[in-house]
N, C-alpha and C. Protein backbone atom coordinates (compact mmCIF):
# COMPACT_ATOMS: atom_id res chain seq x y z
N MET A 1 5.70 6.16 -15.03
CA MET A 1 6.01 7.47 -14.97
C MET A 1 6.57 7.87 -16.12
N THR A 2 6.68 8.28 -15.91
CA THR A 2 6.83 8.60 -17.27
C THR A 2 8.07 9.46 -17.32
N THR A 3 9.77 9.15 -17.68
CA THR A 3 10.27 10.39 -17.31
C THR A 3 11.21 11.20 -18.10
N SER A 4 10.69 12.03 -18.85
CA SER A 4 11.48 13.19 -19.24
C SER A 4 11.29 14.26 -18.20
N ARG A 5 11.01 13.84 -17.02
CA ARG A 5 10.80 14.76 -15.91
C ARG A 5 12.13 15.28 -15.43
N GLY A 6 12.07 16.21 -14.48
CA GLY A 6 13.29 16.81 -13.93
C GLY A 6 14.08 15.83 -13.09
N ALA A 7 15.14 16.31 -12.49
CA ALA A 7 16.07 15.47 -11.73
C ALA A 7 15.57 15.26 -10.32
N VAL A 8 14.78 14.23 -10.13
CA VAL A 8 14.28 13.89 -8.81
C VAL A 8 15.19 12.84 -8.23
N PRO A 9 15.73 13.03 -7.03
CA PRO A 9 16.58 12.01 -6.44
C PRO A 9 15.84 10.69 -6.34
N GLY A 10 16.51 9.60 -6.70
CA GLY A 10 15.90 8.29 -6.61
C GLY A 10 14.78 8.07 -7.60
N SER A 11 14.78 8.81 -8.73
CA SER A 11 13.66 8.72 -9.65
C SER A 11 13.76 7.57 -10.62
N HIS A 12 14.82 6.81 -10.59
CA HIS A 12 14.94 5.68 -11.50
C HIS A 12 13.79 4.71 -11.24
N GLN A 13 13.22 4.19 -12.32
CA GLN A 13 12.04 3.34 -12.19
C GLN A 13 12.28 2.14 -11.30
N ALA A 14 13.51 1.64 -11.22
CA ALA A 14 13.77 0.45 -10.42
C ALA A 14 13.84 0.75 -8.93
N SER A 15 13.86 2.01 -8.56
CA SER A 15 13.94 2.37 -7.14
C SER A 15 12.73 1.81 -6.40
N ALA A 16 12.98 1.35 -5.19
CA ALA A 16 11.89 0.85 -4.36
C ALA A 16 10.96 1.99 -4.02
N PRO A 17 9.66 1.73 -3.93
CA PRO A 17 8.71 2.80 -3.61
C PRO A 17 9.06 3.56 -2.34
N ALA A 18 9.51 2.86 -1.30
CA ALA A 18 9.85 3.53 -0.05
C ALA A 18 11.03 4.48 -0.25
N ALA A 19 12.01 4.06 -1.04
CA ALA A 19 13.18 4.91 -1.32
C ALA A 19 12.77 6.12 -2.15
N ARG A 20 11.85 5.92 -3.08
CA ARG A 20 11.37 7.05 -3.89
C ARG A 20 10.64 8.05 -3.00
N ASP A 21 9.78 7.54 -2.11
CA ASP A 21 9.04 8.43 -1.21
C ASP A 21 10.00 9.20 -0.31
N GLU A 22 11.01 8.52 0.20
CA GLU A 22 11.99 9.17 1.07
C GLU A 22 12.75 10.26 0.31
N ALA A 23 13.13 9.97 -0.93
CA ALA A 23 13.84 10.96 -1.75
C ALA A 23 12.93 12.14 -2.06
N LEU A 24 11.66 11.86 -2.35
CA LEU A 24 10.70 12.94 -2.61
C LEU A 24 10.47 13.79 -1.37
N LEU A 25 10.36 13.15 -0.22
CA LEU A 25 10.16 13.91 1.02
C LEU A 25 11.37 14.80 1.28
N GLU A 26 12.55 14.28 1.04
CA GLU A 26 13.76 15.10 1.21
C GLU A 26 13.76 16.28 0.25
N LEU A 27 13.34 16.04 -0.99
CA LEU A 27 13.27 17.11 -1.97
C LEU A 27 12.26 18.17 -1.53
N VAL A 28 11.06 17.74 -1.15
CA VAL A 28 10.01 18.68 -0.72
C VAL A 28 10.48 19.48 0.49
N CYS A 29 11.02 18.79 1.49
CA CYS A 29 11.47 19.49 2.70
C CYS A 29 12.62 20.44 2.42
N SER A 30 13.49 20.08 1.49
CA SER A 30 14.59 20.98 1.11
C SER A 30 14.05 22.26 0.49
N TYR A 31 13.07 22.13 -0.39
CA TYR A 31 12.50 23.31 -1.03
C TYR A 31 11.68 24.14 -0.05
N VAL A 32 10.95 23.48 0.83
CA VAL A 32 10.19 24.21 1.87
C VAL A 32 11.16 25.00 2.73
N ALA A 33 12.25 24.35 3.17
CA ALA A 33 13.25 25.03 4.00
C ALA A 33 13.86 26.21 3.24
N GLY A 34 14.14 26.02 1.96
CA GLY A 34 14.72 27.10 1.16
C GLY A 34 13.78 28.29 1.01
N VAL A 35 12.51 28.01 0.76
CA VAL A 35 11.53 29.07 0.58
C VAL A 35 11.31 29.84 1.88
N LEU A 36 11.29 29.12 2.99
CA LEU A 36 11.01 29.77 4.28
C LEU A 36 12.27 30.25 5.01
N GLY A 37 13.44 29.95 4.47
CA GLY A 37 14.68 30.40 5.09
C GLY A 37 15.11 29.56 6.28
N PHE A 38 14.65 28.32 6.35
CA PHE A 38 15.06 27.43 7.44
C PHE A 38 16.49 26.96 7.19
N ALA A 39 17.13 26.45 8.24
CA ALA A 39 18.53 26.01 8.16
C ALA A 39 18.71 24.83 7.20
N GLY A 40 17.74 23.95 7.10
CA GLY A 40 17.84 22.78 6.24
C GLY A 40 16.57 21.97 6.26
N PRO A 41 16.52 20.91 5.48
CA PRO A 41 15.30 20.11 5.38
C PRO A 41 14.90 19.43 6.69
N GLU A 42 15.88 19.19 7.54
CA GLU A 42 15.56 18.55 8.82
C GLU A 42 14.74 19.47 9.73
N ALA A 43 14.72 20.76 9.44
CA ALA A 43 13.94 21.72 10.23
C ALA A 43 12.46 21.71 9.85
N VAL A 44 12.11 20.97 8.80
CA VAL A 44 10.73 20.91 8.33
C VAL A 44 10.06 19.66 8.87
N ASP A 45 8.95 19.84 9.57
CA ASP A 45 8.17 18.71 10.09
C ASP A 45 7.18 18.29 9.00
N PRO A 46 7.31 17.06 8.48
CA PRO A 46 6.49 16.64 7.34
C PRO A 46 5.00 16.50 7.64
N VAL A 47 4.60 16.55 8.92
CA VAL A 47 3.18 16.43 9.24
C VAL A 47 2.53 17.78 9.58
N ARG A 48 3.33 18.82 9.74
CA ARG A 48 2.76 20.15 10.03
C ARG A 48 2.30 20.81 8.74
N SER A 49 1.20 21.51 8.83
CA SER A 49 0.64 22.14 7.63
C SER A 49 1.51 23.32 7.19
N PHE A 50 1.45 23.59 5.91
CA PHE A 50 2.20 24.72 5.37
C PHE A 50 1.76 26.04 6.01
N ASN A 51 0.47 26.17 6.30
CA ASN A 51 -0.02 27.38 6.96
C ASN A 51 0.62 27.56 8.33
N GLU A 52 0.76 26.45 9.08
CA GLU A 52 1.35 26.51 10.42
C GLU A 52 2.80 26.96 10.40
N VAL A 53 3.53 26.62 9.36
CA VAL A 53 4.95 26.95 9.33
C VAL A 53 5.24 28.28 8.65
N GLY A 54 4.19 29.00 8.22
CA GLY A 54 4.40 30.35 7.73
C GLY A 54 4.19 30.59 6.25
N PHE A 55 3.57 29.67 5.54
CA PHE A 55 3.33 29.90 4.11
C PHE A 55 2.22 30.90 3.90
N ASP A 56 2.42 31.76 2.92
CA ASP A 56 1.37 32.65 2.44
C ASP A 56 1.29 32.44 0.93
N SER A 57 0.50 33.24 0.24
CA SER A 57 0.31 33.01 -1.19
C SER A 57 1.60 33.18 -1.99
N LEU A 58 2.45 34.11 -1.59
CA LEU A 58 3.71 34.32 -2.33
C LEU A 58 4.69 33.17 -2.14
N THR A 59 4.83 32.71 -0.91
CA THR A 59 5.74 31.59 -0.68
C THR A 59 5.17 30.30 -1.28
N ALA A 60 3.84 30.19 -1.33
CA ALA A 60 3.21 29.02 -1.95
C ALA A 60 3.55 28.96 -3.44
N VAL A 61 3.48 30.10 -4.11
CA VAL A 61 3.81 30.15 -5.54
C VAL A 61 5.29 29.86 -5.75
N GLU A 62 6.14 30.38 -4.89
CA GLU A 62 7.57 30.13 -5.01
C GLU A 62 7.88 28.64 -4.85
N LEU A 63 7.26 27.99 -3.87
CA LEU A 63 7.47 26.55 -3.68
C LEU A 63 6.96 25.79 -4.91
N ARG A 64 5.78 26.14 -5.37
CA ARG A 64 5.22 25.47 -6.55
C ARG A 64 6.16 25.59 -7.73
N ASN A 65 6.71 26.78 -7.97
CA ASN A 65 7.61 26.98 -9.11
C ASN A 65 8.90 26.19 -8.95
N ARG A 66 9.45 26.18 -7.77
CA ARG A 66 10.69 25.43 -7.54
C ARG A 66 10.47 23.93 -7.70
N LEU A 67 9.40 23.41 -7.11
CA LEU A 67 9.13 21.98 -7.23
C LEU A 67 8.78 21.60 -8.66
N GLY A 68 8.05 22.46 -9.33
CA GLY A 68 7.72 22.19 -10.74
C GLY A 68 8.97 22.12 -11.59
N GLY A 69 9.91 23.03 -11.34
CA GLY A 69 11.17 23.00 -12.09
C GLY A 69 11.99 21.78 -11.78
N ALA A 70 11.99 21.34 -10.54
CA ALA A 70 12.79 20.18 -10.14
C ALA A 70 12.20 18.87 -10.63
N THR A 71 10.88 18.78 -10.68
CA THR A 71 10.24 17.52 -11.03
C THR A 71 9.78 17.44 -12.48
N GLY A 72 9.59 18.60 -13.11
CA GLY A 72 9.05 18.60 -14.46
C GLY A 72 7.55 18.42 -14.49
N VAL A 73 6.91 18.45 -13.33
CA VAL A 73 5.46 18.29 -13.23
C VAL A 73 4.82 19.68 -13.22
N ARG A 74 3.78 19.84 -14.01
CA ARG A 74 3.03 21.10 -13.99
C ARG A 74 2.13 21.07 -12.76
N LEU A 75 2.41 21.96 -11.83
CA LEU A 75 1.72 21.94 -10.54
C LEU A 75 0.66 23.03 -10.47
N PRO A 76 -0.44 22.77 -9.76
CA PRO A 76 -1.51 23.76 -9.65
C PRO A 76 -1.09 24.95 -8.78
N ALA A 77 -1.68 26.09 -9.03
CA ALA A 77 -1.40 27.30 -8.24
C ALA A 77 -1.80 27.11 -6.78
N THR A 78 -2.74 26.25 -6.54
CA THR A 78 -3.24 26.02 -5.17
C THR A 78 -2.55 24.83 -4.50
N LEU A 79 -1.37 24.50 -4.93
CA LEU A 79 -0.66 23.30 -4.49
C LEU A 79 -0.64 23.13 -2.97
N VAL A 80 -0.12 24.13 -2.24
CA VAL A 80 0.03 23.96 -0.78
C VAL A 80 -1.30 24.01 -0.05
N PHE A 81 -2.33 24.48 -0.71
CA PHE A 81 -3.66 24.50 -0.09
C PHE A 81 -4.38 23.18 -0.36
N ASP A 82 -4.14 22.60 -1.55
CA ASP A 82 -4.73 21.30 -1.88
C ASP A 82 -4.02 20.15 -1.17
N TYR A 83 -2.72 20.30 -0.95
CA TYR A 83 -1.89 19.27 -0.30
C TYR A 83 -1.18 19.98 0.85
N PRO A 84 -1.84 20.10 2.01
CA PRO A 84 -1.43 21.03 3.06
C PRO A 84 -0.21 20.66 3.90
N THR A 85 0.35 19.46 3.72
CA THR A 85 1.55 19.10 4.48
C THR A 85 2.59 18.53 3.51
N PRO A 86 3.84 18.51 3.91
CA PRO A 86 4.86 17.87 3.05
C PRO A 86 4.52 16.42 2.73
N ASN A 87 3.99 15.67 3.71
CA ASN A 87 3.61 14.28 3.43
C ASN A 87 2.52 14.18 2.37
N ALA A 88 1.51 15.04 2.46
CA ALA A 88 0.43 15.03 1.46
C ALA A 88 0.97 15.43 0.09
N LEU A 89 1.89 16.37 0.07
CA LEU A 89 2.49 16.82 -1.18
C LEU A 89 3.32 15.70 -1.81
N VAL A 90 4.02 14.94 -0.99
CA VAL A 90 4.80 13.80 -1.49
C VAL A 90 3.89 12.77 -2.15
N GLU A 91 2.76 12.48 -1.53
CA GLU A 91 1.81 11.52 -2.12
C GLU A 91 1.33 12.01 -3.49
N TYR A 92 1.00 13.29 -3.57
CA TYR A 92 0.56 13.86 -4.84
C TYR A 92 1.66 13.76 -5.89
N LEU A 93 2.87 14.17 -5.53
CA LEU A 93 3.98 14.14 -6.49
C LEU A 93 4.30 12.71 -6.92
N ARG A 94 4.25 11.78 -5.98
CA ARG A 94 4.51 10.38 -6.32
C ARG A 94 3.52 9.91 -7.37
N ASP A 95 2.26 10.22 -7.17
CA ASP A 95 1.24 9.79 -8.13
C ASP A 95 1.44 10.44 -9.49
N GLU A 96 1.91 11.68 -9.50
CA GLU A 96 2.15 12.37 -10.76
C GLU A 96 3.40 11.84 -11.47
N LEU A 97 4.43 11.53 -10.71
CA LEU A 97 5.71 11.11 -11.30
C LEU A 97 5.75 9.64 -11.68
N TRP A 98 5.15 8.79 -10.87
CA TRP A 98 5.26 7.35 -11.11
C TRP A 98 3.90 6.73 -11.24
N GLN A 99 3.27 6.98 -12.36
CA GLN A 99 1.96 6.40 -12.60
C GLN A 99 2.14 4.98 -13.11
N ASP A 100 1.29 4.09 -12.65
CA ASP A 100 1.35 2.69 -13.03
C ASP A 100 0.04 2.27 -13.66
N GLY A 101 0.08 1.16 -14.35
CA GLY A 101 -1.12 0.55 -14.90
C GLY A 101 -1.85 1.46 -15.87
N ALA A 102 -3.17 1.39 -15.84
CA ALA A 102 -4.00 2.15 -16.77
C ALA A 102 -3.83 3.66 -16.59
N ALA A 103 -3.50 4.11 -15.38
CA ALA A 103 -3.34 5.54 -15.13
C ALA A 103 -2.14 6.11 -15.88
N ALA A 104 -1.19 5.27 -16.26
CA ALA A 104 0.00 5.74 -16.95
C ALA A 104 -0.24 5.98 -18.43
N VAL A 105 -1.28 5.42 -18.99
CA VAL A 105 -1.48 5.47 -20.44
C VAL A 105 -1.80 6.88 -20.96
N PRO A 106 -2.79 7.60 -20.42
CA PRO A 106 -3.09 8.93 -20.99
C PRO A 106 -1.90 9.89 -21.01
N PRO A 107 -1.12 10.01 -19.93
CA PRO A 107 0.02 10.92 -20.00
C PRO A 107 1.07 10.48 -21.01
N LEU A 108 1.26 9.17 -21.15
CA LEU A 108 2.22 8.68 -22.13
C LEU A 108 1.74 8.99 -23.55
N LEU A 109 0.46 8.79 -23.80
CA LEU A 109 -0.07 9.10 -25.13
C LEU A 109 0.01 10.60 -25.42
N ALA A 110 -0.25 11.42 -24.42
CA ALA A 110 -0.14 12.87 -24.60
C ALA A 110 1.30 13.26 -24.93
N GLU A 111 2.24 12.62 -24.26
CA GLU A 111 3.66 12.90 -24.53
C GLU A 111 4.04 12.45 -25.95
N LEU A 112 3.50 11.31 -26.38
CA LEU A 112 3.76 10.85 -27.75
C LEU A 112 3.14 11.80 -28.78
N ASP A 113 1.95 12.31 -28.49
CA ASP A 113 1.33 13.30 -29.38
C ASP A 113 2.20 14.54 -29.51
N ARG A 114 2.73 15.00 -28.37
CA ARG A 114 3.60 16.17 -28.38
C ARG A 114 4.85 15.90 -29.20
N LEU A 115 5.45 14.73 -29.02
CA LEU A 115 6.65 14.35 -29.76
C LEU A 115 6.35 14.26 -31.25
N GLU A 116 5.21 13.67 -31.58
CA GLU A 116 4.83 13.54 -32.99
C GLU A 116 4.71 14.92 -33.66
N LYS A 117 4.06 15.86 -32.99
CA LYS A 117 3.93 17.21 -33.55
C LYS A 117 5.29 17.85 -33.76
N THR A 118 6.17 17.66 -32.80
CA THR A 118 7.52 18.23 -32.91
C THR A 118 8.27 17.61 -34.08
N LEU A 119 8.20 16.30 -34.22
CA LEU A 119 8.92 15.62 -35.29
C LEU A 119 8.38 15.99 -36.66
N VAL A 120 7.06 16.04 -36.78
CA VAL A 120 6.44 16.33 -38.07
C VAL A 120 6.75 17.75 -38.54
N THR A 121 6.86 18.68 -37.61
CA THR A 121 7.09 20.08 -37.98
C THR A 121 8.56 20.47 -38.05
N SER A 122 9.46 19.54 -37.69
CA SER A 122 10.88 19.88 -37.76
C SER A 122 11.47 19.42 -39.09
N SER A 123 12.58 20.01 -39.45
CA SER A 123 13.22 19.63 -40.72
C SER A 123 14.74 19.57 -40.54
N PRO A 124 15.21 18.52 -39.85
CA PRO A 124 16.66 18.38 -39.66
C PRO A 124 17.33 17.93 -40.96
N ASP A 125 18.64 18.09 -41.02
CA ASP A 125 19.37 17.60 -42.18
C ASP A 125 19.40 16.07 -42.13
N ASP A 126 19.96 15.44 -43.16
CA ASP A 126 19.96 13.97 -43.23
C ASP A 126 20.66 13.33 -42.04
N ALA A 127 21.79 13.89 -41.63
CA ALA A 127 22.53 13.32 -40.49
C ALA A 127 21.70 13.43 -39.21
N GLY A 128 21.05 14.56 -39.02
CA GLY A 128 20.19 14.74 -37.86
C GLY A 128 19.01 13.80 -37.88
N ARG A 129 18.41 13.64 -39.04
CA ARG A 129 17.28 12.72 -39.19
C ARG A 129 17.71 11.29 -38.85
N ASP A 130 18.90 10.91 -39.32
CA ASP A 130 19.42 9.56 -39.03
C ASP A 130 19.64 9.37 -37.53
N ARG A 131 20.21 10.38 -36.86
CA ARG A 131 20.44 10.29 -35.42
C ARG A 131 19.11 10.16 -34.66
N ILE A 132 18.13 10.95 -35.07
CA ILE A 132 16.82 10.91 -34.42
C ILE A 132 16.16 9.55 -34.66
N THR A 133 16.26 9.04 -35.88
CA THR A 133 15.69 7.74 -36.20
C THR A 133 16.33 6.64 -35.35
N GLU A 134 17.64 6.68 -35.20
CA GLU A 134 18.34 5.69 -34.37
C GLU A 134 17.86 5.76 -32.93
N ARG A 135 17.70 6.97 -32.40
CA ARG A 135 17.24 7.13 -31.02
C ARG A 135 15.82 6.59 -30.85
N LEU A 136 14.96 6.90 -31.82
CA LEU A 136 13.58 6.41 -31.75
C LEU A 136 13.53 4.89 -31.82
N GLN A 137 14.36 4.31 -32.68
CA GLN A 137 14.39 2.85 -32.79
C GLN A 137 14.93 2.23 -31.50
N ALA A 138 15.95 2.84 -30.91
CA ALA A 138 16.49 2.34 -29.65
C ALA A 138 15.44 2.45 -28.54
N LEU A 139 14.69 3.54 -28.54
CA LEU A 139 13.63 3.72 -27.56
C LEU A 139 12.55 2.65 -27.73
N LEU A 140 12.17 2.39 -28.95
CA LEU A 140 11.16 1.37 -29.21
C LEU A 140 11.65 -0.01 -28.78
N THR A 141 12.91 -0.30 -29.04
CA THR A 141 13.49 -1.58 -28.61
C THR A 141 13.47 -1.69 -27.09
N ALA A 142 13.89 -0.63 -26.41
CA ALA A 142 13.89 -0.64 -24.94
C ALA A 142 12.47 -0.79 -24.40
N TRP A 143 11.52 -0.11 -25.01
CA TRP A 143 10.11 -0.20 -24.60
C TRP A 143 9.61 -1.63 -24.78
N SER A 144 9.92 -2.24 -25.91
CA SER A 144 9.48 -3.61 -26.19
C SER A 144 10.12 -4.59 -25.21
N GLU A 145 11.40 -4.41 -24.94
CA GLU A 145 12.08 -5.30 -24.00
C GLU A 145 11.52 -5.14 -22.59
N ALA A 146 11.23 -3.92 -22.19
CA ALA A 146 10.65 -3.69 -20.86
C ALA A 146 9.28 -4.35 -20.77
N GLY A 147 8.51 -4.28 -21.84
CA GLY A 147 7.20 -4.93 -21.86
C GLY A 147 7.31 -6.44 -21.76
N ALA A 148 8.31 -7.00 -22.44
CA ALA A 148 8.53 -8.45 -22.37
C ALA A 148 8.92 -8.86 -20.96
N LEU A 149 9.77 -8.07 -20.31
CA LEU A 149 10.17 -8.38 -18.94
C LEU A 149 8.98 -8.27 -17.99
N ALA A 150 8.16 -7.24 -18.18
CA ALA A 150 7.00 -7.05 -17.32
C ALA A 150 5.98 -8.16 -17.50
N ALA A 151 5.93 -8.71 -18.72
CA ALA A 151 4.97 -9.78 -18.99
C ALA A 151 5.44 -11.12 -18.43
N GLY A 152 6.65 -11.15 -17.88
CA GLY A 152 7.12 -12.38 -17.25
C GLY A 152 7.93 -13.27 -18.17
N SER A 153 8.44 -12.73 -19.24
CA SER A 153 9.30 -13.50 -20.12
C SER A 153 10.50 -13.99 -19.31
N ASP A 154 10.86 -15.25 -19.48
CA ASP A 154 11.99 -15.77 -18.72
C ASP A 154 13.04 -16.39 -19.62
N GLY A 155 14.05 -16.96 -19.02
CA GLY A 155 15.16 -17.55 -19.76
C GLY A 155 14.72 -18.68 -20.67
N ALA A 156 13.65 -19.41 -20.32
CA ALA A 156 13.17 -20.50 -21.16
C ALA A 156 12.72 -19.98 -22.51
N ASP A 157 12.06 -18.81 -22.53
CA ASP A 157 11.63 -18.22 -23.79
C ASP A 157 12.83 -17.87 -24.66
N VAL A 158 13.87 -17.32 -24.05
CA VAL A 158 15.07 -16.95 -24.79
C VAL A 158 15.76 -18.20 -25.33
N ALA A 159 15.88 -19.21 -24.49
CA ALA A 159 16.51 -20.46 -24.91
C ALA A 159 15.76 -21.09 -26.07
N GLU A 160 14.44 -21.07 -25.99
CA GLU A 160 13.62 -21.62 -27.06
C GLU A 160 13.82 -20.84 -28.36
N ALA A 161 13.87 -19.52 -28.25
CA ALA A 161 14.09 -18.69 -29.44
C ALA A 161 15.45 -18.96 -30.05
N LEU A 162 16.46 -19.12 -29.20
CA LEU A 162 17.80 -19.42 -29.72
C LEU A 162 17.86 -20.78 -30.39
N GLU A 163 17.19 -21.76 -29.81
CA GLU A 163 17.17 -23.11 -30.38
C GLU A 163 16.53 -23.12 -31.77
N SER A 164 15.48 -22.32 -31.95
CA SER A 164 14.76 -22.34 -33.22
C SER A 164 15.31 -21.33 -34.23
N ALA A 165 16.29 -20.52 -33.84
CA ALA A 165 16.84 -19.50 -34.74
C ALA A 165 17.78 -20.12 -35.76
N THR A 166 17.74 -19.59 -36.97
CA THR A 166 18.67 -20.02 -38.01
C THR A 166 19.99 -19.29 -37.81
N ASP A 167 21.02 -19.74 -38.53
CA ASP A 167 22.31 -19.06 -38.45
C ASP A 167 22.17 -17.59 -38.85
N ASP A 168 21.40 -17.33 -39.91
CA ASP A 168 21.21 -15.95 -40.36
C ASP A 168 20.53 -15.11 -39.28
N ASP A 169 19.54 -15.70 -38.59
CA ASP A 169 18.87 -14.99 -37.51
C ASP A 169 19.86 -14.60 -36.41
N LEU A 170 20.71 -15.56 -36.05
CA LEU A 170 21.70 -15.31 -35.00
C LEU A 170 22.69 -14.22 -35.42
N PHE A 171 23.16 -14.28 -36.66
CA PHE A 171 24.11 -13.27 -37.13
C PHE A 171 23.44 -11.90 -37.22
N ASP A 172 22.18 -11.87 -37.65
CA ASP A 172 21.45 -10.59 -37.69
C ASP A 172 21.31 -10.01 -36.28
N PHE A 173 20.96 -10.86 -35.32
CA PHE A 173 20.81 -10.42 -33.94
C PHE A 173 22.13 -9.87 -33.41
N ILE A 174 23.22 -10.60 -33.61
CA ILE A 174 24.53 -10.15 -33.14
C ILE A 174 24.91 -8.84 -33.81
N GLY A 175 24.68 -8.75 -35.10
CA GLY A 175 25.00 -7.50 -35.82
C GLY A 175 24.21 -6.32 -35.30
N LYS A 176 22.94 -6.53 -35.01
CA LYS A 176 22.12 -5.43 -34.48
C LYS A 176 22.53 -5.06 -33.07
N GLU A 177 22.83 -6.04 -32.24
CA GLU A 177 23.23 -5.78 -30.86
C GLU A 177 24.50 -5.00 -30.78
N PHE A 178 25.45 -5.28 -31.69
CA PHE A 178 26.76 -4.63 -31.64
C PHE A 178 26.91 -3.54 -32.68
N GLY A 179 25.82 -3.23 -33.38
CA GLY A 179 25.82 -2.12 -34.34
C GLY A 179 26.72 -2.35 -35.53
N ILE A 180 26.83 -3.59 -35.99
CA ILE A 180 27.71 -3.86 -37.12
C ILE A 180 26.96 -4.31 -38.35
N SER A 181 25.65 -4.19 -38.34
CA SER A 181 24.91 -4.55 -39.56
C SER A 181 23.93 -3.46 -39.89
């Protein structure tokens, strides 16, 4: 997933899929209740169609706008007609927010293209450029480490790397980890 997305409850990547779905359902039902003037999310039946509970084109647009703002996902104008129940809408949002495997690549590349255009056309001062460079390097490090973890790197690999490291390698690593070099 990719997330510079909005504040979705339970959106941390480590969240269990069931917990993410539950948080998304709560979010969807909260917004449905708000748009329709219900007392709260518990008043929304996740299997009843939006048409059955009183949605029309105006309330459909309002729900789409609210959910889009909350999730950061660009939602279609026909959202409640394409995904006619809260449960169906949760499935759609889950797929949009937490893409895995090959499906995650195109949106990530599009986001990188957008970032590249922004960076190339901006002209911060030297201090700003340094801060941005540090953030990008930290992001790349985190991305690389996440990839190593996903690939199944274990403690044996780390131990082997430490055994074969020179003193200078170790001091460089410590300096980089603690920001002193």
